[in-house]
Amino acid sequence: FDALGVEPDFEKIRYYILLDSGNCRKLEQVGPYRLIRPALNAFWKPALPEKEWKNADAEFIRDSSGHGKWSNRNRLPDQWEAVWGEMIMRIKPTNFGHLGFFAEQFRNWDYFRKNCQDMDALNLFAYSGLGSLAMAAGGAKVCHLDASRGMIEWGRENLALNADIPDAVRWIADDVNKFVNREIRRAKEYDLIALDPPTFGRGSSGQLWKIETDLPKLVENCFALRKKDKPFTLVLSCHSPGFSLLVLERIVKDVMGKDTEIVGDEMYIPESTGRKLPSGIGIRAIKNC
């Protein structure tokens, strides 16, 4: 049910589609609404005719502070639903230009659905919960951790929209480093840990996060939470400048050992034109016991 207590019309919910990209922008169909948002690495020319872009309902214009505003041709509602990665998502346009999901995560979600049976999984920097829902859909018991209480509520809303996904998620609002350190002291153990860290951020009580100084120690602490008698999987994605695929591999192997099996690739969003929009990098590291 939405904020007004009205049940969504699931028969009318439409899919997310990346229609086109170019000139450092992307054109997206997000359910019933067509949006333009920044894509700062889309240096090429758009493939679709200009009239397709002119039909957009709204465009997010970013300012020098990293914030911005929505310029609406047609008024957008405060929230609506769309489908992506086999899940119904609650969409809420924010003042940062975000919508409540990162489409490039779809391959990780697919991996979770297929490989999490009977696992204890921990999802860090977990945002609006779609990765956690994919883990639960795959049969895992999930601990979802994000510093924002608003994101925790958003995750609960997404779970309520997906009746086929088990309610197997423990929702926690806390600073990532503080929580992981407590889990170590409590001798908690996990089969799989996923993290999608920001470049810079603040925890629930204002704790500072800088990826260049905090990520190596966090990876070390995540490895300390593994079940020692079972294979352990770390799923790490990154969008920060300077963090290449080789950088992530070296950070992880320094902690997990040179014999760690690592699969890495550039993350992307498939485009209706047949092209792909690169959107960060990701690795999956597996340490056999």
Protein backbone atom coordinates (compact mmCIF):
# COMPACT_ATOMS: atom_id res chain seq x y z
CA PHE A 1 0.00 0.00 0.00
CA ASP A 2 1.25 3.49 -0.77
CA ALA A 3 1.51 6.43 1.62
CA LEU A 4 -2.21 7.12 1.24
CA GLY A 5 -3.18 3.55 2.04
CA VAL A 6 -4.07 2.79 -1.58
CA GLU A 7 -3.11 -0.60 -2.96
CA PRO A 8 -0.90 -0.35 -6.10
CA ASP A 9 -2.49 -1.50 -9.35
CA PHE A 10 -0.02 -4.30 -10.06
CA GLU A 11 -1.49 -4.97 -13.51
CA LYS A 12 -0.41 -1.49 -14.62
CA ILE A 13 3.12 -1.57 -13.18
CA ARG A 14 5.65 -1.35 -16.01
CA TYR A 15 9.31 -2.22 -16.33
CA TYR A 16 12.43 -0.14 -16.03
CA ILE A 17 14.26 0.25 -19.37
CA LEU A 18 17.41 2.19 -20.19
CA LEU A 19 16.30 3.57 -23.54
CA ASP A 20 19.40 5.49 -24.62
CA SER A 21 22.49 7.35 -23.41
CA GLY A 22 24.85 10.00 -24.69
CA ASN A 23 26.10 13.55 -24.19
CA CYS A 24 26.65 12.63 -20.50
CA ARG A 25 22.96 11.86 -19.96
CA LYS A 26 20.75 8.78 -19.92
CA LEU A 27 17.15 8.37 -21.04
CA GLU A 28 15.18 5.93 -18.88
CA GLN A 29 11.67 4.52 -18.90
CA VAL A 30 10.89 4.05 -15.21
CA GLY A 31 7.50 2.40 -15.09
CA PRO A 32 5.03 4.83 -16.71
CA TYR A 33 7.44 7.81 -16.64
CA ARG A 34 10.27 8.74 -18.98
CA LEU A 35 13.20 10.46 -17.24
CA ILE A 36 16.54 12.01 -18.13
CA ARG A 37 19.35 11.84 -15.58
CA PRO A 38 23.10 12.54 -15.65
CA ALA A 39 25.44 9.81 -16.91
CA LEU A 40 28.82 11.48 -16.58
CA ASN A 41 30.72 8.77 -18.46
CA ALA A 42 28.38 8.67 -21.49
CA PHE A 43 30.72 10.63 -23.76
CA TRP A 44 29.25 9.23 -26.98
CA LYS A 45 26.32 10.44 -29.04
CA PRO A 46 22.73 9.28 -28.37
CA ALA A 47 21.48 6.54 -30.67
CA LEU A 48 17.77 7.40 -30.60
CA PRO A 49 16.20 10.37 -32.39
CA GLU A 50 15.99 13.65 -30.49
CA LYS A 51 12.19 13.42 -30.38
CA GLU A 52 12.49 10.41 -28.04
CA TRP A 53 14.42 12.55 -25.55
CA LYS A 54 12.01 15.46 -25.93
CA ASN A 55 9.19 13.15 -24.82
CA ALA A 56 10.71 12.82 -21.33
CA ASP A 57 8.42 13.68 -18.43
CA ALA A 58 11.22 15.13 -16.32
CA GLU A 59 14.98 15.75 -16.23
CA PHE A 60 17.26 15.96 -13.22
CA ILE A 61 19.61 18.94 -13.48
CA ARG A 62 22.63 18.61 -11.20
CA ASP A 63 24.40 21.65 -9.74
CA SER A 64 28.02 22.09 -8.65
CA SER A 65 27.27 20.92 -5.09
CA GLY A 66 26.18 17.46 -6.24
CA HIS A 67 22.56 18.25 -5.49
CA GLY A 68 20.12 19.48 -8.08
CA LYS A 69 16.48 19.69 -9.01
CA TRP A 70 13.94 18.00 -11.21
CA SER A 71 12.72 19.98 -14.19
CA ASN A 72 9.29 18.57 -15.00
CA ARG A 73 7.51 18.69 -18.32
CA ASN A 74 4.78 16.59 -16.78
CA ARG A 75 4.31 16.52 -13.02
CA LEU A 76 5.76 13.43 -11.36
CA PRO A 77 4.07 11.82 -8.35
CA ASP A 78 6.04 11.55 -5.12
CA GLN A 79 6.31 7.80 -5.64
CA TRP A 80 5.27 4.99 -7.95
CA GLU A 81 6.23 1.39 -8.78
CA ALA A 82 8.33 -0.22 -11.50
CA VAL A 83 9.79 -3.68 -12.15
CA TRP A 84 13.48 -4.53 -12.59
CA GLY A 85 15.58 -7.56 -11.72
CA GLU A 86 12.45 -9.69 -11.14
CA MET A 87 11.30 -7.37 -8.33
CA ILE A 88 8.72 -4.65 -7.89
CA MET A 89 10.42 -1.46 -6.69
CA ARG A 90 9.06 1.62 -4.94
CA ILE A 91 10.37 4.62 -6.91
CA LYS A 92 10.89 7.98 -5.17
CA PRO A 93 12.78 10.74 -7.04
CA THR A 94 15.25 12.38 -4.63
CA ASN A 95 17.09 15.70 -4.54
CA PHE A 96 20.27 13.82 -5.46
CA GLY A 97 18.70 12.49 -8.67
CA HIS A 98 18.43 8.97 -7.30
CA LEU A 99 15.29 6.87 -7.68
CA GLY A 100 15.79 4.18 -5.04
CA PHE A 101 17.66 1.52 -7.00
CA PHE A 102 20.87 1.01 -8.95
CA ALA A 103 20.02 -0.84 -12.16
CA GLU A 104 23.58 -2.10 -12.71
CA GLN A 105 23.19 -4.42 -9.70
CA PHE A 106 20.87 -6.75 -11.62
CA ARG A 107 23.54 -9.43 -12.16
CA ASN A 108 24.36 -9.50 -8.45
CA TRP A 109 20.67 -9.88 -7.65
CA ASP A 110 20.48 -12.80 -10.07
CA TYR A 111 23.51 -14.39 -8.39
CA PHE A 112 21.91 -14.02 -4.96
CA ARG A 113 18.68 -15.63 -6.12
CA LYS A 114 20.57 -18.64 -7.48
CA ASN A 115 23.29 -19.12 -4.85
CA CYS A 116 22.01 -18.15 -1.39
CA GLN A 117 20.04 -21.23 -0.38
CA ASP A 118 20.24 -21.79 3.41
CA MET A 119 22.92 -19.10 3.81
CA ASP A 120 23.40 -16.49 6.48
CA ALA A 121 23.94 -13.29 4.47
CA LEU A 122 24.97 -9.78 5.46
CA ASN A 123 24.27 -6.84 3.15
CA LEU A 124 26.24 -3.67 4.00
CA PHE A 125 25.50 -0.18 2.61
CA ALA A 126 22.31 -1.94 1.59
CA TYR A 127 20.31 1.11 0.45
CA SER A 128 16.64 0.41 -0.33
CA GLY A 129 16.89 -3.33 0.13
CA LEU A 130 16.66 -4.86 -3.33
CA GLY A 131 19.87 -6.85 -2.90
CA SER A 132 18.60 -8.06 0.47
CA LEU A 133 15.31 -9.10 -1.10
CA ALA A 134 17.16 -11.04 -3.80
CA MET A 135 19.10 -12.86 -1.08
CA ALA A 136 15.88 -13.70 0.76
CA ALA A 137 14.30 -14.85 -2.51
CA GLY A 138 17.26 -17.21 -2.91
CA GLY A 139 16.65 -18.79 0.48
CA ALA A 140 19.00 -16.82 2.73
CA LYS A 141 18.48 -15.39 6.19
CA VAL A 142 19.52 -11.79 5.67
CA CYS A 143 20.88 -9.00 7.84
CA HIS A 144 20.32 -5.68 6.03
CA LEU A 145 22.47 -2.78 7.25
CA ASP A 146 22.24 0.86 6.20
CA ALA A 147 23.04 4.07 8.10
CA SER A 148 19.78 5.75 7.02
CA ARG A 149 16.56 4.93 8.83
CA GLY A 150 14.70 6.27 5.82
CA MET A 151 16.33 3.61 3.67
CA ILE A 152 15.33 0.95 6.16
CA GLU A 153 11.70 2.00 5.80
CA TRP A 154 12.07 2.10 2.03
CA GLY A 155 13.39 -1.46 2.12
CA ARG A 156 10.41 -2.59 4.14
CA GLU A 157 8.12 -0.99 1.56
CA ASN A 158 9.88 -2.88 -1.23
CA LEU A 159 9.47 -6.14 0.67
CA ALA A 160 5.75 -5.47 1.10
CA LEU A 161 5.40 -5.05 -2.67
CA ASN A 162 6.92 -8.49 -3.36
CA ALA A 163 4.61 -11.05 -1.80
CA ASP A 164 6.61 -13.95 -3.28
CA ILE A 165 9.75 -13.06 -1.30
CA PRO A 166 10.02 -14.52 2.22
CA ASP A 167 10.09 -12.11 5.15
CA ALA A 168 13.58 -13.28 6.14
CA VAL A 169 15.30 -9.89 6.48
CA ARG A 170 16.52 -8.29 9.70
CA TRP A 171 16.55 -4.52 9.15
CA ILE A 172 19.22 -2.50 11.01
CA ALA A 173 20.08 1.22 10.84
CA ASP A 174 23.65 1.72 12.04
CA ASP A 175 27.15 2.75 11.05
CA VAL A 176 28.77 -0.04 9.04
CA ASN A 177 32.13 -0.08 10.84
CA LYS A 178 30.56 0.03 14.30
CA PHE A 179 28.11 -2.76 13.46
CA VAL A 180 30.72 -5.05 11.90
CA ASN A 181 33.02 -4.63 14.90
CA ARG A 182 30.15 -5.55 17.24
CA GLU A 183 29.37 -8.62 15.14
CA ILE A 184 33.00 -9.73 15.48
CA ARG A 185 32.84 -9.35 19.28
CA ARG A 186 29.59 -11.31 19.31
CA ALA A 187 31.27 -14.08 17.27
CA LYS A 188 28.65 -13.85 14.53
CA GLU A 189 29.39 -15.71 11.30
CA TYR A 190 28.14 -15.41 7.73
CA ASP A 191 28.34 -17.43 4.52
CA LEU A 192 28.08 -14.37 2.26
CA ILE A 193 28.69 -10.65 2.72
CA ALA A 194 27.86 -8.03 0.09
CA LEU A 195 28.91 -4.40 0.16
CA ASP A 196 28.50 -1.45 -2.20
CA PRO A 197 30.42 1.30 -0.38
CA PRO A 198 30.16 4.99 -1.24
CA THR A 199 33.22 7.12 -1.89
CA PHE A 200 32.38 9.32 1.08
CA GLY A 201 29.63 9.22 3.69
CA ARG A 202 28.57 9.56 7.28
CA GLY A 203 27.20 6.93 9.62
CA SER A 204 24.04 7.07 11.71
CA SER A 205 25.80 9.21 14.36
CA GLY A 206 27.92 11.27 11.99
CA GLN A 207 30.84 8.84 11.70
CA LEU A 208 33.01 9.65 8.70
CA TRP A 209 33.52 7.10 5.91
CA LYS A 210 36.30 7.49 3.31
CA ILE A 211 36.66 4.58 0.95
CA GLU A 212 40.39 4.98 0.39
CA THR A 213 41.17 4.59 4.10
CA ASP A 214 38.23 2.52 5.37
CA LEU A 215 37.64 -0.12 2.69
CA PRO A 216 40.75 -2.30 3.30
CA LYS A 217 39.98 -2.59 7.02
CA LEU A 218 36.30 -3.29 6.34
CA VAL A 219 37.21 -6.12 3.96
CA GLU A 220 39.47 -7.54 6.67
CA ASN A 221 36.63 -7.37 9.21
CA CYS A 222 34.17 -8.96 6.78
CA PHE A 223 36.58 -11.86 6.30
CA ALA A 224 36.78 -12.25 10.08
CA LEU A 225 32.99 -12.83 10.08
CA ARG A 226 33.18 -15.85 7.75
CA LYS A 227 32.14 -19.32 8.79
CA LYS A 228 35.48 -21.06 9.15
CA ASP A 229 34.26 -24.51 8.10
CA LYS A 230 32.37 -23.47 4.94
CA PRO A 231 33.11 -21.60 1.70
CA PHE A 232 32.81 -17.82 2.11
CA THR A 233 31.67 -15.35 -0.56
CA LEU A 234 32.37 -11.62 -0.64
CA VAL A 235 30.50 -9.56 -3.24
CA LEU A 236 32.02 -6.09 -3.60
CA SER A 237 30.97 -3.35 -6.01
CA CYS A 238 32.47 0.09 -6.37
CA HIS A 239 31.86 3.36 -8.22
CA SER A 240 34.76 5.41 -6.84
CA PRO A 241 37.44 7.03 -9.04
CA GLY A 242 40.81 5.32 -8.68
CA PHE A 243 39.33 1.96 -7.68
CA SER A 244 39.86 -0.25 -10.72
CA LEU A 245 39.18 -3.95 -11.00
CA LEU A 246 42.83 -4.72 -10.23
CA VAL A 247 42.74 -2.48 -7.16
CA LEU A 248 39.75 -4.32 -5.73
CA GLU A 249 41.33 -7.70 -6.48
CA ARG A 250 44.52 -6.74 -4.66
CA ILE A 251 42.67 -5.40 -1.63
CA VAL A 252 40.64 -8.61 -1.38
CA LYS A 253 43.53 -11.02 -1.98
CA ASP A 254 45.67 -9.21 0.60
CA VAL A 255 43.02 -10.23 3.13
CA MET A 256 41.55 -13.48 1.83
CA GLY A 257 44.70 -15.00 0.35
CA LYS A 258 46.17 -15.54 -3.10
CA ASP A 259 44.20 -18.77 -3.55
CA THR A 260 40.90 -16.85 -3.43
CA GLU A 261 38.77 -17.43 -6.50
CA ILE A 262 37.82 -14.02 -7.94
CA VAL A 263 35.42 -13.20 -10.75
CA GLY A 264 35.44 -9.52 -11.70
CA ASP A 265 33.80 -7.44 -14.38
CA GLU A 266 32.65 -3.97 -15.30
CA MET A 267 29.10 -3.37 -14.14
CA TYR A 268 26.67 -2.05 -16.74
CA ILE A 269 23.05 -1.35 -17.58
CA PRO A 270 21.79 -2.94 -20.82
CA GLU A 271 20.35 -0.40 -23.24
CA SER A 272 17.42 -0.79 -25.62
CA THR A 273 19.77 0.13 -28.48
CA GLY A 274 21.89 -2.98 -27.83
CA ARG A 275 24.66 -0.95 -26.20
CA LYS A 276 25.70 -1.04 -22.54
CA LEU A 277 26.14 1.86 -20.13
CA PRO A 278 29.17 1.18 -17.86
CA SER A 279 28.29 1.82 -14.21
CA GLY A 280 31.12 0.84 -11.89
CA ILE A 281 33.02 -2.36 -11.25
CA GLY A 282 32.31 -5.43 -9.19
CA ILE A 283 34.02 -8.59 -8.01
CA ARG A 284 32.86 -11.83 -6.45
CA ALA A 285 35.48 -13.47 -4.25
CA ILE A 286 35.07 -17.05 -2.98
CA LYS A 287 37.31 -18.58 -0.33
CA ASN A 288 36.95 -22.31 0.04
CA CYS A 289 37.42 -23.64 3.56
